[in-house]
N, C-alpha and C. Protein backbone atom coordinates (compact mmCIF):
# COMPACT_ATOMS: atom_id res chain seq x y z
N UNK A 1 -9.60 57.12 -104.54
CA UNK A 1 -9.06 57.69 -105.78
C UNK A 1 -8.37 56.59 -106.60
N UNK A 2 -8.66 56.53 -107.88
CA UNK A 2 -8.04 55.54 -108.75
C UNK A 2 -6.57 55.90 -108.98
N UNK A 3 -5.72 54.91 -108.87
CA UNK A 3 -4.29 55.14 -109.10
C UNK A 3 -4.04 55.49 -110.57
N UNK A 4 -3.10 56.36 -110.80
CA UNK A 4 -2.72 56.72 -112.17
C UNK A 4 -1.49 55.92 -112.58
N UNK A 5 -1.57 55.32 -113.76
CA UNK A 5 -0.54 54.40 -114.23
C UNK A 5 0.16 54.98 -115.46
N UNK A 6 1.50 54.95 -115.40
CA UNK A 6 2.33 55.43 -116.51
C UNK A 6 3.17 54.26 -117.03
N UNK A 7 2.69 53.55 -118.05
CA UNK A 7 3.51 52.46 -118.60
C UNK A 7 4.86 52.97 -119.09
N UNK A 8 5.91 52.25 -118.73
CA UNK A 8 7.26 52.63 -119.14
C UNK A 8 7.59 51.99 -120.48
N UNK A 9 7.84 52.83 -121.47
CA UNK A 9 8.12 52.32 -122.81
C UNK A 9 9.45 51.57 -122.89
N UNK A 10 10.25 51.66 -121.84
CA UNK A 10 11.49 50.89 -121.80
C UNK A 10 11.21 49.40 -121.89
N UNK A 11 10.03 48.98 -121.42
CA UNK A 11 9.66 47.56 -121.43
C UNK A 11 8.89 47.16 -122.68
N UNK A 12 8.63 48.11 -123.58
CA UNK A 12 7.87 47.82 -124.79
C UNK A 12 8.73 47.14 -125.84
N UNK A 13 8.06 46.61 -126.87
CA UNK A 13 8.75 46.04 -128.03
C UNK A 13 9.12 47.19 -128.95
N UNK A 14 10.39 47.56 -129.00
CA UNK A 14 10.83 48.72 -129.79
C UNK A 14 10.60 48.54 -131.28
N UNK A 15 10.52 47.29 -131.72
CA UNK A 15 10.31 47.03 -133.15
C UNK A 15 8.88 47.35 -133.56
N UNK A 16 8.00 47.53 -132.58
CA UNK A 16 6.59 47.83 -132.87
C UNK A 16 6.09 48.89 -131.89
N UNK A 17 6.87 49.97 -131.74
CA UNK A 17 6.60 50.93 -130.69
C UNK A 17 5.25 51.61 -130.86
N UNK A 18 4.88 51.95 -132.09
CA UNK A 18 3.60 52.63 -132.31
C UNK A 18 2.43 51.76 -131.85
N UNK A 19 2.46 50.49 -132.22
CA UNK A 19 1.37 49.60 -131.83
C UNK A 19 1.40 49.31 -130.33
N UNK A 20 2.58 49.30 -129.74
CA UNK A 20 2.70 49.12 -128.30
C UNK A 20 2.05 50.30 -127.56
N UNK A 21 2.32 51.51 -128.05
CA UNK A 21 1.72 52.70 -127.45
C UNK A 21 0.20 52.65 -127.59
N UNK A 22 -0.28 52.31 -128.78
CA UNK A 22 -1.72 52.21 -129.00
C UNK A 22 -2.34 51.18 -128.06
N UNK A 23 -1.64 50.08 -127.85
CA UNK A 23 -2.14 49.01 -127.00
C UNK A 23 -2.35 49.47 -125.57
N UNK A 24 -1.37 50.17 -125.00
CA UNK A 24 -1.51 50.58 -123.60
C UNK A 24 -2.45 51.78 -123.46
N UNK A 25 -2.54 52.61 -124.50
CA UNK A 25 -3.51 53.70 -124.46
C UNK A 25 -4.93 53.14 -124.41
N UNK A 26 -5.21 52.19 -125.27
CA UNK A 26 -6.54 51.57 -125.29
C UNK A 26 -6.81 50.79 -124.01
N UNK A 27 -5.74 50.35 -123.36
CA UNK A 27 -5.87 49.58 -122.13
C UNK A 27 -6.09 50.47 -120.91
N UNK A 28 -5.96 51.80 -121.07
CA UNK A 28 -6.25 52.70 -119.97
C UNK A 28 -5.06 53.42 -119.36
N UNK A 29 -3.93 53.45 -120.06
CA UNK A 29 -2.77 54.18 -119.55
C UNK A 29 -3.11 55.66 -119.37
N UNK A 30 -2.61 56.25 -118.30
CA UNK A 30 -2.86 57.66 -118.03
C UNK A 30 -1.79 58.56 -118.64
N UNK A 31 -0.56 58.09 -118.63
CA UNK A 31 0.60 58.85 -119.10
C UNK A 31 1.56 57.84 -119.72
N UNK A 32 2.38 58.28 -120.66
CA UNK A 32 3.43 57.43 -121.23
C UNK A 32 4.78 57.87 -120.66
N UNK A 33 5.50 56.95 -120.05
CA UNK A 33 6.78 57.24 -119.40
C UNK A 33 7.92 56.86 -120.34
N UNK A 34 8.81 57.80 -120.58
CA UNK A 34 9.91 57.60 -121.53
C UNK A 34 11.24 57.76 -120.80
N UNK A 35 11.99 56.67 -120.70
CA UNK A 35 13.28 56.68 -120.02
C UNK A 35 14.40 57.00 -121.01
N UNK A 36 15.10 58.08 -120.74
CA UNK A 36 16.21 58.51 -121.59
C UNK A 36 17.51 58.26 -120.84
N UNK A 37 18.37 57.41 -121.40
CA UNK A 37 19.64 57.05 -120.76
C UNK A 37 20.79 57.36 -121.69
N UNK A 38 21.89 57.84 -121.11
CA UNK A 38 23.01 58.32 -121.94
C UNK A 38 24.25 57.44 -121.92
N UNK A 39 24.22 56.33 -121.17
CA UNK A 39 25.41 55.49 -121.09
C UNK A 39 26.48 56.04 -120.18
N UNK A 40 26.21 57.16 -119.51
CA UNK A 40 27.17 57.76 -118.58
C UNK A 40 26.60 57.86 -117.17
N UNK A 41 25.48 58.54 -117.04
CA UNK A 41 24.83 58.60 -115.73
C UNK A 41 24.36 57.21 -115.33
N UNK A 42 23.90 56.45 -116.30
CA UNK A 42 23.53 55.04 -116.12
C UNK A 42 24.21 54.24 -117.24
N UNK A 43 24.35 52.92 -117.07
CA UNK A 43 25.13 52.15 -118.05
C UNK A 43 24.52 52.05 -119.44
N UNK A 44 23.22 52.04 -119.55
CA UNK A 44 22.58 51.79 -120.84
C UNK A 44 22.37 53.07 -121.64
N UNK A 45 22.07 52.89 -122.92
CA UNK A 45 21.67 53.97 -123.82
C UNK A 45 20.29 53.60 -124.36
N UNK A 46 19.35 54.54 -124.31
CA UNK A 46 18.00 54.22 -124.78
C UNK A 46 17.52 55.28 -125.77
N UNK A 47 16.35 55.82 -125.53
CA UNK A 47 15.67 56.69 -126.49
C UNK A 47 16.14 58.14 -126.41
N UNK A 48 15.97 58.85 -127.53
CA UNK A 48 16.34 60.26 -127.59
C UNK A 48 15.20 61.11 -128.09
N UNK A 49 15.53 62.31 -128.52
CA UNK A 49 14.51 63.27 -128.94
C UNK A 49 13.76 62.79 -130.18
N UNK A 50 14.42 62.01 -131.03
CA UNK A 50 13.74 61.53 -132.24
C UNK A 50 12.56 60.62 -131.90
N UNK A 51 12.70 59.82 -130.86
CA UNK A 51 11.60 58.95 -130.44
C UNK A 51 10.47 59.78 -129.84
N UNK A 52 10.81 60.75 -129.02
CA UNK A 52 9.78 61.62 -128.43
C UNK A 52 9.03 62.37 -129.52
N UNK A 53 9.75 62.89 -130.50
CA UNK A 53 9.13 63.63 -131.60
C UNK A 53 8.20 62.73 -132.41
N UNK A 54 8.64 61.50 -132.67
CA UNK A 54 7.81 60.56 -133.44
C UNK A 54 6.55 60.21 -132.67
N UNK A 55 6.69 59.99 -131.36
CA UNK A 55 5.52 59.68 -130.55
C UNK A 55 4.57 60.87 -130.45
N UNK A 56 5.14 62.07 -130.39
CA UNK A 56 4.30 63.26 -130.27
C UNK A 56 3.37 63.41 -131.47
N UNK A 57 3.86 63.05 -132.64
CA UNK A 57 3.04 63.15 -133.84
C UNK A 57 2.02 62.01 -133.95
N UNK A 58 2.20 61.01 -133.09
CA UNK A 58 1.36 59.81 -133.16
C UNK A 58 0.30 59.77 -132.07
N UNK A 59 0.57 60.41 -130.93
CA UNK A 59 -0.31 60.28 -129.78
C UNK A 59 -0.58 61.63 -129.13
N UNK A 60 -1.75 61.74 -128.51
CA UNK A 60 -2.08 62.92 -127.73
C UNK A 60 -1.86 62.69 -126.24
N UNK A 61 -1.40 61.50 -125.88
CA UNK A 61 -1.14 61.20 -124.48
C UNK A 61 -0.03 62.08 -123.93
N UNK A 62 -0.07 62.29 -122.63
CA UNK A 62 0.99 63.06 -121.97
C UNK A 62 2.28 62.26 -122.02
N UNK A 63 3.36 62.92 -122.43
CA UNK A 63 4.67 62.27 -122.53
C UNK A 63 5.54 62.71 -121.36
N UNK A 64 5.86 61.75 -120.53
CA UNK A 64 6.61 61.97 -119.28
C UNK A 64 8.04 61.52 -119.52
N UNK A 65 8.95 62.48 -119.72
CA UNK A 65 10.33 62.18 -120.10
C UNK A 65 11.23 62.22 -118.87
N UNK A 66 11.85 61.10 -118.58
CA UNK A 66 12.72 60.93 -117.42
C UNK A 66 14.17 60.92 -117.93
N UNK A 67 14.88 62.02 -117.67
CA UNK A 67 16.25 62.16 -118.16
C UNK A 67 17.24 61.56 -117.17
N UNK A 68 17.77 60.40 -117.50
CA UNK A 68 18.84 59.79 -116.72
C UNK A 68 20.14 60.04 -117.47
N UNK A 69 20.55 61.32 -117.44
CA UNK A 69 21.69 61.76 -118.25
C UNK A 69 22.56 62.72 -117.43
N UNK A 70 23.83 62.76 -117.76
CA UNK A 70 24.73 63.75 -117.19
C UNK A 70 24.45 65.12 -117.82
N UNK A 71 24.58 66.15 -117.02
CA UNK A 71 24.40 67.53 -117.49
C UNK A 71 23.14 67.69 -118.34
N UNK A 72 21.99 67.46 -117.73
CA UNK A 72 20.74 67.48 -118.49
C UNK A 72 20.41 68.82 -119.14
N UNK A 73 21.00 69.90 -118.65
CA UNK A 73 20.74 71.21 -119.26
C UNK A 73 20.95 71.20 -120.77
N UNK A 74 21.89 70.38 -121.21
CA UNK A 74 22.23 70.33 -122.65
C UNK A 74 21.07 69.85 -123.50
N UNK A 75 20.12 69.13 -122.89
CA UNK A 75 19.08 68.46 -123.66
C UNK A 75 17.67 69.01 -123.43
N UNK A 76 17.54 69.92 -122.47
CA UNK A 76 16.21 70.39 -122.10
C UNK A 76 15.47 70.98 -123.29
N UNK A 77 16.08 71.93 -123.98
CA UNK A 77 15.39 72.61 -125.08
C UNK A 77 14.97 71.62 -126.15
N UNK A 78 15.85 70.68 -126.49
CA UNK A 78 15.54 69.73 -127.56
C UNK A 78 14.37 68.83 -127.19
N UNK A 79 14.31 68.37 -125.94
CA UNK A 79 13.20 67.50 -125.54
C UNK A 79 11.90 68.28 -125.43
N UNK A 80 11.98 69.53 -125.01
CA UNK A 80 10.77 70.36 -124.97
C UNK A 80 10.24 70.57 -126.39
N UNK A 81 11.12 70.87 -127.32
CA UNK A 81 10.71 71.09 -128.70
C UNK A 81 10.19 69.80 -129.34
N UNK A 82 10.70 68.67 -128.87
CA UNK A 82 10.25 67.38 -129.42
C UNK A 82 8.84 67.02 -128.98
N UNK A 83 8.37 67.66 -127.89
CA UNK A 83 6.99 67.43 -127.49
C UNK A 83 6.78 66.86 -126.10
N UNK A 84 7.81 66.90 -125.25
CA UNK A 84 7.64 66.42 -123.88
C UNK A 84 6.63 67.30 -123.14
N UNK A 85 5.79 66.66 -122.34
CA UNK A 85 4.85 67.39 -121.48
C UNK A 85 5.40 67.55 -120.07
N UNK A 86 6.20 66.60 -119.64
CA UNK A 86 6.84 66.63 -118.31
C UNK A 86 8.28 66.17 -118.50
N UNK A 87 9.19 66.81 -117.79
CA UNK A 87 10.59 66.37 -117.81
C UNK A 87 11.10 66.30 -116.37
N UNK A 88 11.65 65.16 -116.01
CA UNK A 88 12.30 65.04 -114.70
C UNK A 88 13.80 64.88 -114.91
N UNK A 89 14.56 65.56 -114.05
CA UNK A 89 16.02 65.49 -114.08
C UNK A 89 16.51 64.98 -112.73
N UNK A 90 17.62 64.29 -112.74
CA UNK A 90 18.16 63.75 -111.50
C UNK A 90 18.94 64.80 -110.74
N UNK A 91 18.63 64.92 -109.45
CA UNK A 91 19.38 65.84 -108.60
C UNK A 91 20.86 65.49 -108.61
N UNK A 92 21.17 64.21 -108.72
CA UNK A 92 22.57 63.76 -108.68
C UNK A 92 23.34 64.18 -109.93
N UNK A 93 22.62 64.46 -111.02
CA UNK A 93 23.27 64.79 -112.29
C UNK A 93 23.20 66.27 -112.62
N UNK A 94 22.60 67.05 -111.73
CA UNK A 94 22.34 68.47 -112.02
C UNK A 94 23.01 69.35 -110.97
N UNK A 95 24.24 69.79 -111.21
CA UNK A 95 24.94 70.61 -110.22
C UNK A 95 24.27 71.95 -109.96
N UNK A 96 23.51 72.43 -110.93
CA UNK A 96 22.78 73.69 -110.78
C UNK A 96 21.29 73.39 -110.95
N UNK A 97 20.74 72.68 -109.98
CA UNK A 97 19.41 72.12 -110.10
C UNK A 97 18.35 73.20 -110.30
N UNK A 98 18.44 74.29 -109.57
CA UNK A 98 17.46 75.37 -109.71
C UNK A 98 17.44 75.88 -111.15
N UNK A 99 18.60 76.12 -111.71
CA UNK A 99 18.67 76.62 -113.08
C UNK A 99 18.09 75.62 -114.07
N UNK A 100 18.37 74.35 -113.85
CA UNK A 100 17.84 73.31 -114.74
C UNK A 100 16.32 73.30 -114.72
N UNK A 101 15.75 73.39 -113.53
CA UNK A 101 14.29 73.42 -113.41
C UNK A 101 13.71 74.66 -114.08
N UNK A 102 14.38 75.77 -113.96
CA UNK A 102 13.90 76.99 -114.59
C UNK A 102 13.92 76.87 -116.12
N UNK A 103 14.92 76.19 -116.65
CA UNK A 103 15.00 75.98 -118.10
C UNK A 103 13.78 75.20 -118.59
N UNK A 104 13.37 74.22 -117.81
CA UNK A 104 12.19 73.42 -118.18
C UNK A 104 10.93 74.26 -118.11
N UNK A 105 10.76 74.98 -117.02
CA UNK A 105 9.54 75.75 -116.81
C UNK A 105 9.40 76.92 -117.78
N UNK A 106 10.52 77.46 -118.22
CA UNK A 106 10.48 78.53 -119.23
C UNK A 106 9.84 78.05 -120.53
N UNK A 107 9.90 76.74 -120.76
CA UNK A 107 9.31 76.15 -121.97
C UNK A 107 7.86 75.71 -121.75
N UNK A 108 7.30 76.08 -120.59
CA UNK A 108 5.90 75.72 -120.27
C UNK A 108 5.71 74.21 -120.19
N UNK A 109 6.74 73.53 -119.69
CA UNK A 109 6.71 72.08 -119.50
C UNK A 109 6.81 71.80 -118.01
N UNK A 110 6.11 70.78 -117.53
CA UNK A 110 6.17 70.44 -116.11
C UNK A 110 7.56 69.96 -115.75
N UNK A 111 8.07 70.45 -114.62
CA UNK A 111 9.42 70.13 -114.18
C UNK A 111 9.41 69.26 -112.94
N UNK A 112 10.20 68.20 -112.97
CA UNK A 112 10.29 67.31 -111.81
C UNK A 112 11.72 67.01 -111.45
N UNK A 113 11.92 66.62 -110.21
CA UNK A 113 13.23 66.16 -109.74
C UNK A 113 13.13 64.66 -109.47
N UNK A 114 14.10 63.92 -109.96
CA UNK A 114 14.19 62.48 -109.71
C UNK A 114 15.31 62.22 -108.71
N UNK A 115 15.06 61.28 -107.80
CA UNK A 115 16.03 60.94 -106.77
C UNK A 115 16.35 59.45 -106.80
N UNK A 116 17.65 59.13 -106.82
CA UNK A 116 18.08 57.75 -106.70
C UNK A 116 17.77 57.22 -105.30
N UNK A 117 17.75 55.90 -105.13
CA UNK A 117 17.39 55.34 -103.82
C UNK A 117 18.21 55.87 -102.65
N UNK A 118 19.49 56.10 -102.83
CA UNK A 118 20.34 56.53 -101.71
C UNK A 118 20.37 58.04 -101.51
N UNK A 119 19.68 58.80 -102.36
CA UNK A 119 19.68 60.25 -102.24
C UNK A 119 18.61 60.70 -101.26
N UNK A 120 18.98 61.49 -100.25
CA UNK A 120 17.99 61.90 -99.25
C UNK A 120 16.96 62.88 -99.80
N UNK A 121 15.77 62.84 -99.23
CA UNK A 121 14.68 63.71 -99.63
C UNK A 121 15.04 65.19 -99.44
N UNK A 122 15.88 65.49 -98.44
CA UNK A 122 16.20 66.88 -98.12
C UNK A 122 16.79 67.63 -99.30
N UNK A 123 17.29 66.91 -100.29
CA UNK A 123 17.88 67.54 -101.48
C UNK A 123 16.91 68.49 -102.15
N UNK A 124 15.61 68.21 -102.08
CA UNK A 124 14.64 69.03 -102.81
C UNK A 124 14.16 70.25 -102.02
N UNK A 125 14.56 70.38 -100.74
CA UNK A 125 14.00 71.44 -99.90
C UNK A 125 14.16 72.83 -100.50
N UNK A 126 15.30 73.08 -101.10
CA UNK A 126 15.59 74.44 -101.58
C UNK A 126 15.14 74.69 -103.02
N UNK A 127 14.51 73.69 -103.62
CA UNK A 127 13.91 73.90 -104.95
C UNK A 127 12.45 73.48 -104.94
N UNK A 128 11.90 73.29 -103.75
CA UNK A 128 10.56 72.70 -103.64
C UNK A 128 9.48 73.54 -104.31
N UNK A 129 9.68 74.86 -104.36
CA UNK A 129 8.70 75.72 -105.01
C UNK A 129 8.83 75.73 -106.53
N UNK A 130 9.87 75.07 -107.03
CA UNK A 130 10.12 75.06 -108.47
C UNK A 130 9.75 73.76 -109.15
N UNK A 131 9.23 72.80 -108.37
CA UNK A 131 8.92 71.49 -108.97
C UNK A 131 7.42 71.28 -109.08
N UNK A 132 7.04 70.60 -110.14
CA UNK A 132 5.63 70.25 -110.37
C UNK A 132 5.34 68.81 -109.97
N UNK A 133 6.37 68.01 -109.81
CA UNK A 133 6.22 66.63 -109.34
C UNK A 133 7.57 66.13 -108.86
N UNK A 134 7.54 65.07 -108.08
CA UNK A 134 8.75 64.43 -107.56
C UNK A 134 8.76 62.97 -108.01
N UNK A 135 9.89 62.52 -108.53
CA UNK A 135 10.04 61.14 -108.97
C UNK A 135 11.01 60.42 -108.05
N UNK A 136 10.51 59.42 -107.36
CA UNK A 136 11.35 58.63 -106.46
C UNK A 136 11.66 57.29 -107.13
N UNK A 137 12.95 57.05 -107.34
CA UNK A 137 13.37 55.76 -107.89
C UNK A 137 13.29 54.70 -106.80
N UNK A 138 12.57 53.64 -107.08
CA UNK A 138 12.43 52.55 -106.12
C UNK A 138 13.29 51.35 -106.51
N UNK A 139 14.13 51.56 -107.52
CA UNK A 139 15.25 50.68 -107.87
C UNK A 139 16.40 51.59 -108.27
N UNK A 140 17.58 51.05 -108.41
CA UNK A 140 18.68 51.84 -108.94
C UNK A 140 18.49 52.00 -110.44
N UNK A 141 18.61 53.22 -110.95
CA UNK A 141 18.26 53.46 -112.36
C UNK A 141 19.24 52.82 -113.33
N UNK A 142 18.72 52.56 -114.53
CA UNK A 142 19.59 52.08 -115.59
C UNK A 142 19.16 50.79 -116.24
N UNK A 143 18.32 50.02 -115.58
CA UNK A 143 17.88 48.73 -116.11
C UNK A 143 16.40 48.52 -115.79
N UNK A 144 15.69 47.89 -116.72
CA UNK A 144 14.32 47.50 -116.46
C UNK A 144 14.26 46.16 -115.76
N UNK A 145 13.10 45.84 -115.17
CA UNK A 145 12.88 44.52 -114.60
C UNK A 145 13.52 44.25 -113.26
N UNK A 146 13.95 45.31 -112.54
CA UNK A 146 14.59 45.11 -111.24
C UNK A 146 13.55 44.94 -110.13
N UNK A 147 14.03 44.43 -109.01
CA UNK A 147 13.16 44.23 -107.86
C UNK A 147 13.08 45.50 -107.01
N UNK A 148 11.89 45.76 -106.52
CA UNK A 148 11.60 46.91 -105.67
C UNK A 148 12.47 46.89 -104.42
N UNK A 149 12.97 48.06 -104.02
CA UNK A 149 13.77 48.19 -102.80
C UNK A 149 12.81 48.54 -101.65
N UNK A 150 12.58 47.65 -100.69
CA UNK A 150 11.55 47.87 -99.66
C UNK A 150 11.75 49.14 -98.84
N UNK A 151 13.00 49.54 -98.62
CA UNK A 151 13.26 50.73 -97.81
C UNK A 151 12.70 52.00 -98.43
N UNK A 152 12.33 51.95 -99.70
CA UNK A 152 11.81 53.14 -100.37
C UNK A 152 10.41 53.52 -99.90
N UNK A 153 9.71 52.60 -99.25
CA UNK A 153 8.40 52.94 -98.69
C UNK A 153 8.55 54.06 -97.66
N UNK A 154 9.53 53.94 -96.79
CA UNK A 154 9.77 54.98 -95.79
C UNK A 154 10.18 56.29 -96.47
N UNK A 155 10.92 56.19 -97.54
CA UNK A 155 11.34 57.41 -98.25
C UNK A 155 10.14 58.11 -98.88
N UNK A 156 9.22 57.35 -99.43
CA UNK A 156 8.00 57.95 -100.00
C UNK A 156 7.22 58.67 -98.90
N UNK A 157 7.11 58.05 -97.73
CA UNK A 157 6.43 58.69 -96.59
C UNK A 157 7.13 60.00 -96.23
N UNK A 158 8.44 59.96 -96.14
CA UNK A 158 9.22 61.17 -95.83
C UNK A 158 8.95 62.27 -96.85
N UNK A 159 8.91 61.87 -98.10
CA UNK A 159 8.68 62.84 -99.17
C UNK A 159 7.31 63.48 -99.03
N UNK A 160 6.28 62.67 -98.79
CA UNK A 160 4.93 63.23 -98.65
C UNK A 160 4.84 64.15 -97.44
N UNK A 161 5.48 63.77 -96.36
CA UNK A 161 5.48 64.62 -95.16
C UNK A 161 6.17 65.95 -95.44
N UNK A 162 7.27 65.92 -96.16
CA UNK A 162 7.99 67.16 -96.49
C UNK A 162 7.14 68.04 -97.39
N UNK A 163 6.54 67.46 -98.41
CA UNK A 163 5.70 68.23 -99.32
C UNK A 163 4.51 68.83 -98.58
N UNK A 164 3.91 68.06 -97.69
CA UNK A 164 2.79 68.57 -96.90
C UNK A 164 3.22 69.74 -96.03
N UNK A 165 4.41 69.63 -95.46
CA UNK A 165 4.92 70.69 -94.59
C UNK A 165 5.10 72.00 -95.35
N UNK A 166 5.38 71.89 -96.64
CA UNK A 166 5.55 73.08 -97.48
C UNK A 166 4.27 73.45 -98.22
N UNK A 167 3.19 72.72 -97.94
CA UNK A 167 1.92 73.01 -98.60
C UNK A 167 1.90 72.68 -100.08
N UNK A 168 2.69 71.68 -100.49
CA UNK A 168 2.80 71.31 -101.90
C UNK A 168 1.97 70.06 -102.17
N UNK A 169 0.88 70.22 -102.89
CA UNK A 169 0.04 69.08 -103.26
C UNK A 169 0.37 68.67 -104.69
N UNK A 170 1.47 67.96 -104.83
CA UNK A 170 1.95 67.55 -106.15
C UNK A 170 2.10 66.03 -106.19
N UNK A 171 2.23 65.51 -107.40
CA UNK A 171 2.41 64.07 -107.56
C UNK A 171 3.75 63.61 -107.00
N UNK A 172 3.71 62.48 -106.33
CA UNK A 172 4.91 61.69 -106.09
C UNK A 172 4.83 60.50 -107.04
N UNK A 173 5.73 60.49 -107.99
CA UNK A 173 5.81 59.41 -108.98
C UNK A 173 6.83 58.39 -108.49
N UNK A 174 6.51 57.12 -108.62
CA UNK A 174 7.45 56.07 -108.22
C UNK A 174 7.78 55.21 -109.42
N UNK A 175 9.04 54.81 -109.50
CA UNK A 175 9.53 54.13 -110.70
C UNK A 175 10.49 53.02 -110.31
N UNK A 176 10.10 51.78 -110.62
CA UNK A 176 10.99 50.65 -110.40
C UNK A 176 10.36 49.54 -109.59
N UNK A 177 10.15 48.40 -110.20
CA UNK A 177 9.61 47.25 -109.49
C UNK A 177 8.17 47.41 -109.05
N UNK A 178 7.42 48.26 -109.77
CA UNK A 178 6.01 48.48 -109.41
C UNK A 178 5.16 47.37 -110.02
N UNK A 179 4.46 46.67 -109.15
CA UNK A 179 3.57 45.58 -109.57
C UNK A 179 2.49 45.41 -108.51
N UNK A 180 1.71 44.36 -108.60
CA UNK A 180 0.60 44.16 -107.66
C UNK A 180 1.09 43.89 -106.24
N UNK A 181 2.33 43.47 -106.09
CA UNK A 181 2.87 43.20 -104.75
C UNK A 181 3.39 44.47 -104.08
N UNK A 182 3.67 45.52 -104.84
CA UNK A 182 4.33 46.71 -104.27
C UNK A 182 3.49 47.98 -104.36
N UNK A 183 2.52 48.02 -105.25
CA UNK A 183 1.84 49.28 -105.54
C UNK A 183 1.00 49.79 -104.37
N UNK A 184 0.36 48.89 -103.64
CA UNK A 184 -0.51 49.33 -102.55
C UNK A 184 0.29 50.02 -101.44
N UNK A 185 1.43 49.45 -101.08
CA UNK A 185 2.25 50.05 -100.03
C UNK A 185 2.78 51.42 -100.46
N UNK A 186 3.11 51.56 -101.74
CA UNK A 186 3.56 52.85 -102.26
C UNK A 186 2.45 53.89 -102.18
N UNK A 187 1.25 53.47 -102.53
CA UNK A 187 0.11 54.38 -102.46
C UNK A 187 -0.17 54.81 -101.02
N UNK A 188 -0.14 53.86 -100.10
CA UNK A 188 -0.39 54.16 -98.70
C UNK A 188 0.66 55.12 -98.14
N UNK A 189 1.87 55.03 -98.68
CA UNK A 189 2.95 55.91 -98.23
C UNK A 189 2.83 57.32 -98.79
N UNK A 190 2.05 57.49 -99.87
CA UNK A 190 1.85 58.82 -100.42
C UNK A 190 2.09 58.98 -101.90
N UNK A 191 2.44 57.90 -102.60
CA UNK A 191 2.64 57.99 -104.04
C UNK A 191 1.30 58.11 -104.76
N UNK A 192 1.31 58.81 -105.89
CA UNK A 192 0.07 59.05 -106.64
C UNK A 192 0.17 58.65 -108.12
N UNK A 193 1.39 58.51 -108.62
CA UNK A 193 1.60 58.16 -110.03
C UNK A 193 2.61 57.03 -110.08
N UNK A 194 2.27 55.96 -110.83
CA UNK A 194 3.03 54.72 -110.75
C UNK A 194 3.55 54.32 -112.13
N UNK A 195 4.87 54.30 -112.26
CA UNK A 195 5.49 53.85 -113.50
C UNK A 195 5.56 52.33 -113.47
N UNK A 196 5.03 51.69 -114.49
CA UNK A 196 5.02 50.23 -114.55
C UNK A 196 5.50 49.78 -115.92
N UNK A 197 6.54 48.99 -115.94
CA UNK A 197 7.08 48.49 -117.20
C UNK A 197 6.69 47.06 -117.45
N UNK A 198 7.43 46.13 -116.84
CA UNK A 198 7.17 44.71 -117.02
C UNK A 198 5.75 44.32 -116.61
N UNK A 199 5.23 44.96 -115.56
CA UNK A 199 3.91 44.61 -115.06
C UNK A 199 2.80 44.91 -116.05
N UNK A 200 3.11 45.73 -117.05
CA UNK A 200 2.13 46.03 -118.11
C UNK A 200 2.52 45.34 -119.41
N UNK A 201 3.73 45.59 -119.88
CA UNK A 201 4.11 45.14 -121.22
C UNK A 201 4.38 43.64 -121.31
N UNK A 202 4.61 42.99 -120.19
CA UNK A 202 4.82 41.54 -120.22
C UNK A 202 3.51 40.75 -120.18
N UNK A 203 2.39 41.48 -120.08
CA UNK A 203 1.09 40.83 -120.00
C UNK A 203 0.37 40.86 -121.35
N UNK A 204 -0.25 39.77 -121.71
CA UNK A 204 -1.02 39.73 -122.96
C UNK A 204 -2.26 40.61 -122.86
N UNK A 205 -2.95 40.54 -121.73
CA UNK A 205 -4.15 41.36 -121.53
C UNK A 205 -3.75 42.61 -120.75
N UNK A 206 -3.40 43.63 -121.48
CA UNK A 206 -2.86 44.83 -120.84
C UNK A 206 -3.94 45.66 -120.15
N UNK A 207 -5.16 45.59 -120.65
CA UNK A 207 -6.26 46.29 -119.99
C UNK A 207 -6.48 45.69 -118.60
N UNK A 208 -6.45 44.37 -118.53
CA UNK A 208 -6.60 43.70 -117.24
C UNK A 208 -5.45 44.08 -116.30
N UNK A 209 -4.23 44.09 -116.84
CA UNK A 209 -3.05 44.42 -116.03
C UNK A 209 -3.15 45.84 -115.48
N UNK A 210 -3.51 46.80 -116.34
CA UNK A 210 -3.59 48.20 -115.90
C UNK A 210 -4.74 48.38 -114.91
N UNK A 211 -5.88 47.75 -115.17
CA UNK A 211 -6.99 47.86 -114.24
C UNK A 211 -6.65 47.26 -112.87
N UNK A 212 -5.93 46.18 -112.88
CA UNK A 212 -5.49 45.59 -111.61
C UNK A 212 -4.59 46.57 -110.85
N UNK A 213 -3.64 47.17 -111.56
CA UNK A 213 -2.74 48.13 -110.92
C UNK A 213 -3.50 49.34 -110.41
N UNK A 214 -4.52 49.75 -111.14
CA UNK A 214 -5.33 50.89 -110.71
C UNK A 214 -6.23 50.55 -109.53
N UNK A 215 -6.44 49.28 -109.32
CA UNK A 215 -7.32 48.86 -108.24
C UNK A 215 -8.79 48.94 -108.58
N UNK A 216 -9.09 48.75 -109.89
CA UNK A 216 -10.50 48.81 -110.32
C UNK A 216 -10.90 47.49 -111.00
């Protein structure tokens, strides 16, 4: 099976975002990954609903919105209306995780849970029937260009085993330090969707970069 690649727009040139999106779409991107940071849950501040809305009018690609924000319930409706196709929220930032997931699904948008490196997989056990995908952070969130945390390979395996035990055949998305040195081990552990920032946007030949990551 060909790996699915989601270029992270956090690594794109923001001054030319439309052309950056067009570039990776033509290069074979499967999904566009949008990192939303609030300066509280993570140190940086990045894109908001206005960027998602602008991209929605520009592209038909699936928009995968990763909310790295405190109290994400406040933003669910706005991001759904802006055109998100998938929204992931952090278990660490969502005290009422079940309710947050229901808010997303009520809008007919795919709902995912994101887990920081130190957060155990068991956190999702009691909402496992409410998620459409799982996002495992393979770096600590908040900054692009970080190095992959090797211990996350075992965590991906644990996640796939847990999902299998519950009969859930859903994507495990991995985000952070994904490149040609790390992607194969993630796939072997059970990951199916790979967020890649620097490994795509730092390359002049993005079609070659994405094809390499896909293994074709």
